[in-house]
Amino acid sequence: MAAHSSLGLSVMVRAAQASYVVLPQTNHPPASVYDYFCQRFDNISADAWKARFMQGKVHWQDGQPLELTTGYRSQQKVYYYREVAHEEMPPYSESILYQDEQIVLANKPHFMTLHPGGQVINQCLINRLRERTGCEQLIAAHRLDRATAGIVLLVKQSDRRDAYHGLFRDGQITKEYQALARITPELMAEHLAGKLSLPRRWTVKNRIDRGTPGFIMRIVDGEANSHSEIALVSIEGEIGRFELMPITGKTHQLRLHMNCLGMPILNDNFYPKLLPRSDEDVAQPMKLLARRLAFTDPVTGRRLDICLPELSL
């Protein structure tokens, strides 16, 4: 993954692909779709929505533009285009590892978001790949954090997403991650004494809940809802190389589980301590990689096993 020479900024960027919302069924619907958008997306001013409606930037599924007075219609899809004043180019580029008539397997780099959100619209992985492949329906079958690099499975036909998401939901896919972390003093003492037998394995099960701020997760008391299998496979100096298999798929699960073992992943800006976004260094990404996916394609029956090179120190 090659770094771009500069971040490069654009002014008033509009999404190349439309987003949509399904108007919910409600006992007290707003009078118009415009009113609903002002209520639903209150982070955008009413004047901004007014301008977008008047410019034809909000429309029904058939392309018919909505007016300010267009009545609310429950269960109908409304399409709109995200806009931001500035959008930064990601510091690294994605690559396509495999592609057929049904799916794309891509290598998402560190610092690239998977979906549009916040100040990112066109430069997320999904929209970049939609442009590269010409497949406007392309959709991810699972999640991967912005800070985490590695393999993402994307589906070319949105109505088949559930078949591929089911691989993750039903445990029918092999997911292997790799992480680098500074080992504990106790493990280092065992290693130096020649008493540490590798691989050293841990089974981690605990309850993960949302923390404060809301994008941070935390381990809390209660019945376990997360499960990871973690193995220390080699040591280079003070740094251990770990293989991780998430059995469940909670947000930030592997990051939290490594931290609770006393070995937070190198360059993790969230755990154990939340660092300001301004402290982020693109030359020192978090050392967590979604390294391998192996599964039988539920549509074609093909057996696929894709693996990336190891993380570098």
Protein backbone atom coordinates (compact mmCIF):
# COMPACT_ATOMS: atom_id res chain seq x y z
CA MET A 1 0.00 0.00 0.00
CA ALA A 2 1.75 3.14 -1.18
CA ALA A 3 1.29 6.44 0.66
CA HIS A 4 0.15 9.50 -1.27
CA SER A 5 2.60 12.40 -1.29
CA SER A 6 0.01 14.83 0.11
CA LEU A 7 -3.40 14.78 1.73
CA GLY A 8 -4.97 16.99 -0.96
CA LEU A 9 -8.21 18.86 -0.20
CA SER A 10 -11.28 19.51 -2.38
CA VAL A 11 -13.86 22.23 -1.81
CA MET A 12 -17.60 21.43 -1.41
CA VAL A 13 -17.32 17.77 -2.24
CA ARG A 14 -20.50 15.92 -3.23
CA ALA A 15 -20.85 12.17 -2.92
CA ALA A 16 -20.56 10.32 -6.23
CA GLN A 17 -23.09 7.77 -4.98
CA ALA A 18 -26.49 8.57 -3.52
CA SER A 19 -27.38 7.49 0.01
CA TYR A 20 -30.95 6.63 0.91
CA VAL A 21 -33.26 6.46 3.89
CA VAL A 22 -36.51 4.52 4.24
CA LEU A 23 -39.23 6.77 5.66
CA PRO A 24 -40.38 4.99 8.84
CA GLN A 25 -43.93 4.08 9.72
CA THR A 26 -45.04 6.33 12.57
CA ASN A 27 -48.23 7.33 14.35
CA HIS A 28 -47.35 11.01 14.04
CA PRO A 29 -45.65 11.51 10.67
CA PRO A 30 -44.32 14.92 9.67
CA ALA A 31 -46.25 16.83 7.03
CA SER A 32 -43.47 16.67 4.42
CA VAL A 33 -40.29 14.77 3.58
CA TYR A 34 -38.43 18.08 4.03
CA ASP A 35 -39.69 18.29 7.62
CA TYR A 36 -38.55 14.73 8.24
CA PHE A 37 -35.03 15.41 6.92
CA CYS A 38 -34.73 18.49 9.12
CA GLN A 39 -35.69 16.38 12.15
CA ARG A 40 -33.70 13.26 11.27
CA PHE A 41 -30.50 14.99 10.16
CA ASP A 42 -30.46 17.90 12.59
CA ASN A 43 -26.67 18.19 12.35
CA ILE A 44 -27.36 19.85 8.97
CA SER A 45 -29.19 23.19 9.08
CA ALA A 46 -32.76 23.55 7.80
CA ASP A 47 -31.49 26.18 5.34
CA ALA A 48 -28.98 23.68 3.93
CA TRP A 49 -31.72 21.07 3.44
CA LYS A 50 -33.96 23.71 1.88
CA ALA A 51 -31.26 24.52 -0.65
CA ARG A 52 -30.68 20.84 -1.46
CA PHE A 53 -34.40 20.22 -2.02
CA MET A 54 -34.71 23.30 -4.22
CA GLN A 55 -31.65 22.20 -6.25
CA GLY A 56 -33.14 18.75 -6.92
CA LYS A 57 -30.59 16.90 -4.76
CA VAL A 58 -33.24 14.84 -2.92
CA HIS A 59 -35.40 12.44 -4.94
CA TRP A 60 -37.56 9.31 -4.95
CA GLN A 61 -36.14 5.96 -6.07
CA ASP A 62 -37.31 6.61 -9.67
CA GLY A 63 -35.31 9.87 -9.79
CA GLN A 64 -38.26 12.24 -9.41
CA PRO A 65 -37.05 15.22 -7.35
CA LEU A 66 -38.83 16.15 -4.13
CA GLU A 67 -40.14 19.63 -3.44
CA LEU A 68 -40.30 21.34 -0.06
CA THR A 69 -44.01 20.52 0.14
CA THR A 70 -43.79 16.87 -1.02
CA GLY A 71 -45.87 14.83 1.42
CA TYR A 72 -44.43 12.19 3.73
CA ARG A 73 -44.93 8.61 2.48
CA SER A 74 -44.15 5.84 4.97
CA GLN A 75 -41.90 2.97 3.81
CA GLN A 76 -40.72 4.82 0.70
CA LYS A 77 -37.03 5.21 -0.12
CA VAL A 78 -35.68 8.76 -0.42
CA TYR A 79 -32.29 9.31 -2.04
CA TYR A 80 -29.93 12.18 -1.24
CA TYR A 81 -26.29 13.12 -1.72
CA ARG A 82 -23.93 13.73 1.15
CA GLU A 83 -21.89 16.92 0.92
CA VAL A 84 -18.89 18.16 2.88
CA ALA A 85 -16.88 21.34 2.63
CA HIS A 86 -13.57 19.46 2.54
CA GLU A 87 -12.62 15.81 2.16
CA GLU A 88 -9.10 14.58 2.83
CA MET A 89 -7.54 11.92 0.66
CA PRO A 90 -6.61 8.83 2.70
CA PRO A 91 -2.85 8.40 3.20
CA TYR A 92 -2.82 4.86 1.75
CA SER A 93 -4.59 3.12 -1.14
CA GLU A 94 -6.70 -0.02 -1.15
CA SER A 95 -6.07 -3.01 -3.41
CA ILE A 96 -8.33 -5.69 -4.88
CA LEU A 97 -7.19 -9.18 -3.87
CA TYR A 98 -9.90 -11.19 -5.62
CA GLN A 99 -12.97 -10.48 -7.72
CA ASP A 100 -15.63 -12.55 -9.46
CA GLU A 101 -19.23 -12.08 -10.59
CA GLN A 102 -20.51 -12.06 -6.99
CA ILE A 103 -17.92 -10.56 -4.65
CA VAL A 104 -14.83 -8.44 -4.18
CA LEU A 105 -12.15 -9.20 -1.59
CA ALA A 106 -10.21 -6.01 -0.91
CA ASN A 107 -7.25 -5.04 1.25
CA LYS A 108 -8.39 -1.99 3.23
CA PRO A 109 -5.48 0.14 4.42
CA HIS A 110 -5.12 1.76 7.82
CA PHE A 111 -6.87 5.15 8.22
CA MET A 112 -9.51 4.47 5.55
CA THR A 113 -13.14 4.25 6.66
CA LEU A 114 -15.30 1.45 5.33
CA HIS A 115 -18.52 3.50 4.92
CA PRO A 116 -19.32 7.19 4.38
CA GLY A 117 -19.60 9.18 7.57
CA GLY A 118 -18.65 12.53 9.07
CA GLN A 119 -16.29 14.32 6.69
CA VAL A 120 -15.73 11.23 4.53
CA ILE A 121 -17.96 10.52 1.56
CA ASN A 122 -16.16 9.50 -1.64
CA GLN A 123 -12.89 8.43 -0.02
CA CYS A 124 -14.29 5.54 2.01
CA LEU A 125 -13.46 2.02 0.83
CA ILE A 126 -16.95 1.23 -0.47
CA ASN A 127 -17.27 4.32 -2.65
CA ARG A 128 -13.69 4.06 -3.93
CA LEU A 129 -14.35 0.45 -4.96
CA ARG A 130 -17.72 1.31 -6.49
CA GLU A 131 -15.90 3.73 -8.76
CA ARG A 132 -13.09 1.27 -9.56
CA THR A 133 -15.37 -1.68 -10.32
CA GLY A 134 -18.32 0.20 -11.81
CA CYS A 135 -20.59 -1.71 -9.43
CA GLU A 136 -22.94 0.81 -7.83
CA GLN A 137 -24.61 -1.78 -5.57
CA LEU A 138 -21.34 -2.90 -3.96
CA ILE A 139 -21.86 -3.35 -0.20
CA ALA A 140 -19.74 -4.70 2.65
CA ALA A 141 -20.72 -8.03 4.21
CA HIS A 142 -19.11 -7.17 7.59
CA ARG A 143 -17.30 -4.40 9.48
CA LEU A 144 -13.68 -3.33 9.83
CA ASP A 145 -12.49 -0.38 11.92
CA ARG A 146 -10.91 2.66 10.28
CA ALA A 147 -7.72 2.01 12.28
CA THR A 148 -7.54 -1.68 11.30
CA ALA A 149 -6.11 -2.81 7.97
CA GLY A 150 -6.86 -5.99 6.12
CA ILE A 151 -9.28 -8.10 4.13
CA VAL A 152 -12.87 -6.96 3.59
CA LEU A 153 -15.53 -9.03 1.83
CA LEU A 154 -17.87 -6.95 -0.35
CA VAL A 155 -20.93 -8.14 -2.25
CA LYS A 156 -21.77 -6.91 -5.75
CA GLN A 157 -25.54 -7.44 -5.52
CA SER A 158 -27.11 -5.88 -2.45
CA ASP A 159 -29.96 -8.42 -2.36
CA ARG A 160 -27.37 -11.16 -1.78
CA ARG A 161 -25.65 -9.44 1.14
CA ASP A 162 -27.48 -11.54 3.73
CA ALA A 163 -26.13 -14.78 2.23
CA TYR A 164 -22.57 -13.53 2.73
CA HIS A 165 -23.23 -11.78 6.04
CA GLY A 166 -24.60 -15.13 7.21
CA LEU A 167 -21.08 -16.58 6.93
CA PHE A 168 -20.04 -14.25 9.77
CA ARG A 169 -23.30 -14.43 11.71
CA ASP A 170 -23.39 -18.24 11.68
CA GLY A 171 -19.67 -18.87 12.19
CA GLN A 172 -19.15 -20.41 8.76
CA ILE A 173 -16.06 -18.36 7.90
CA THR A 174 -12.49 -18.50 9.20
CA LYS A 175 -11.27 -15.05 10.31
CA GLU A 176 -7.67 -14.68 11.41
CA TYR A 177 -6.05 -11.44 12.57
CA GLN A 178 -2.49 -10.58 13.45
CA ALA A 179 -1.37 -8.01 16.01
CA LEU A 180 1.88 -6.69 17.45
CA ALA A 181 2.10 -5.68 21.10
CA ARG A 182 4.71 -5.22 23.82
CA ILE A 183 4.62 -8.34 25.98
CA THR A 184 4.15 -8.12 29.74
CA PRO A 185 7.18 -8.07 32.09
CA GLU A 186 6.13 -11.50 33.37
CA LEU A 187 6.16 -13.01 29.89
CA MET A 188 9.46 -11.31 29.13
CA ALA A 189 11.00 -12.78 32.27
CA GLU A 190 9.80 -16.26 31.25
CA HIS A 191 11.17 -15.71 27.76
CA LEU A 192 14.60 -14.57 28.94
CA ALA A 193 14.78 -17.51 31.33
CA GLY A 194 14.02 -19.91 28.50
CA LYS A 195 10.81 -21.03 30.21
CA LEU A 196 8.26 -19.60 27.78
CA SER A 197 6.78 -22.22 25.50
CA LEU A 198 5.24 -20.87 22.29
CA PRO A 199 2.55 -20.58 21.26
CA ARG A 200 1.11 -19.26 24.53
CA ARG A 201 -2.69 -19.22 24.27
CA TRP A 202 -5.53 -17.32 25.95
CA THR A 203 -9.29 -17.67 25.72
CA VAL A 204 -10.89 -14.29 26.47
CA LYS A 205 -14.61 -14.00 27.22
CA ASN A 206 -16.26 -10.95 28.76
CA ARG A 207 -19.07 -8.44 28.34
CA ILE A 208 -18.50 -5.45 26.06
CA ASP A 209 -20.73 -2.38 26.20
CA ARG A 210 -20.64 1.16 24.86
CA GLY A 211 -18.55 3.63 26.84
CA THR A 212 -18.10 7.39 26.99
CA PRO A 213 -17.71 8.93 24.47
CA GLY A 214 -20.02 6.67 22.49
CA PHE A 215 -17.43 5.48 19.97
CA ILE A 216 -15.36 3.93 22.76
CA MET A 217 -16.22 0.46 24.04
CA ARG A 218 -15.57 -0.92 27.53
CA ILE A 219 -15.57 -4.21 29.42
CA VAL A 220 -18.32 -4.36 32.05
CA ASP A 221 -19.69 -6.85 34.56
CA GLY A 222 -22.30 -9.30 33.35
CA GLU A 223 -22.78 -12.30 31.10
CA ALA A 224 -20.12 -12.56 28.42
CA ASN A 225 -21.14 -11.41 24.94
CA SER A 226 -17.66 -11.55 23.38
CA HIS A 227 -15.14 -14.34 22.80
CA SER A 228 -11.65 -14.27 21.28
CA GLU A 229 -8.93 -16.89 20.95
CA ILE A 230 -5.47 -15.28 21.16
CA ALA A 231 -2.01 -16.84 20.75
CA LEU A 232 1.46 -15.38 21.18
CA VAL A 233 3.44 -17.03 18.37
CA SER A 234 6.81 -15.25 18.34
CA ILE A 235 8.83 -12.55 20.10
CA GLU A 236 11.15 -9.97 18.54
CA GLY A 237 12.89 -7.94 21.24
CA GLU A 238 10.08 -6.76 23.51
CA ILE A 239 7.42 -7.11 20.82
CA GLY A 240 5.17 -10.12 20.56
CA ARG A 241 3.47 -11.29 17.39
CA PHE A 242 -0.05 -12.53 18.08
CA GLU A 243 -2.58 -14.53 16.13
CA LEU A 244 -6.18 -13.65 17.00
CA MET A 245 -9.43 -15.37 16.13
CA PRO A 246 -12.60 -13.45 17.04
CA ILE A 247 -15.37 -15.95 17.70
CA THR A 248 -17.88 -13.13 18.15
CA GLY A 249 -17.83 -9.79 16.34
CA LYS A 250 -18.23 -6.97 18.86
CA THR A 251 -16.95 -3.50 17.98
CA HIS A 252 -13.27 -3.10 18.99
CA GLN A 253 -13.35 -6.60 20.48
CA LEU A 254 -9.76 -7.60 19.67
CA ARG A 255 -8.40 -4.25 20.78
CA LEU A 256 -10.19 -4.53 24.13
CA HIS A 257 -9.19 -8.15 24.63
CA MET A 258 -5.52 -7.47 23.98
CA ASN A 259 -5.70 -4.52 26.37
CA CYS A 260 -7.33 -6.60 29.11
CA LEU A 261 -4.43 -9.07 28.83
CA GLY A 262 -2.12 -6.16 29.67
CA MET A 263 -0.75 -6.01 26.11
CA PRO A 264 -2.50 -3.22 24.16
CA ILE A 265 -1.89 -3.30 20.43
CA LEU A 266 0.97 -1.07 19.30
CA ASN A 267 -0.13 2.44 18.25
CA ASP A 268 -3.74 1.97 19.40
CA ASN A 269 -5.07 5.50 19.94
CA PHE A 270 -8.19 4.30 21.80
CA TYR A 271 -7.01 1.69 24.31
CA PRO A 272 -5.86 1.86 27.03
CA LYS A 273 -6.13 5.67 26.69
CA LEU A 274 -8.12 7.75 24.20
CA LEU A 275 -5.73 10.09 22.41
CA PRO A 276 -6.73 13.21 20.43
CA ARG A 277 -7.22 12.72 16.67
CA SER A 278 -4.55 15.41 16.22
CA ASP A 279 -2.00 12.99 17.71
CA GLU A 280 -2.60 10.46 14.93
CA ASP A 281 0.55 9.64 12.98
CA VAL A 282 -0.04 8.03 9.58
CA ALA A 283 3.55 6.75 9.62
CA GLN A 284 2.73 4.68 12.73
CA PRO A 285 -0.57 2.86 12.13
CA MET A 286 -2.11 0.55 14.70
CA LYS A 287 -0.56 -2.88 14.37
CA LEU A 288 -3.72 -4.90 13.79
CA LEU A 289 -4.36 -6.70 10.52
CA ALA A 290 -7.34 -8.74 9.33
CA ARG A 291 -4.95 -11.16 7.69
CA ARG A 292 -6.98 -14.15 6.48
CA LEU A 293 -10.49 -15.04 5.31
CA ALA A 294 -11.37 -18.59 4.31
CA PHE A 295 -14.88 -19.70 3.34
CA THR A 296 -17.07 -21.51 0.86
CA ASP A 297 -18.98 -19.03 -1.28
CA PRO A 298 -22.68 -19.52 -0.43
CA VAL A 299 -23.75 -18.61 -3.99
CA THR A 300 -21.11 -20.14 -6.28
CA GLY A 301 -19.84 -22.94 -4.02
CA ARG A 302 -16.21 -21.89 -4.63
CA ARG A 303 -13.73 -22.42 -1.80
CA LEU A 304 -11.69 -19.26 -1.16
CA ASP A 305 -8.74 -18.81 1.20
CA ILE A 306 -7.06 -15.37 1.03
CA CYS A 307 -4.11 -14.46 3.26
CA LEU A 308 -1.99 -11.29 3.48
CA PRO A 309 1.73 -10.99 4.36
CA GLU A 310 2.66 -10.59 8.03
CA LEU A 311 2.71 -7.23 9.76
CA SER A 312 6.06 -5.46 9.80
CA LEU A 313 7.53 -3.97 12.95
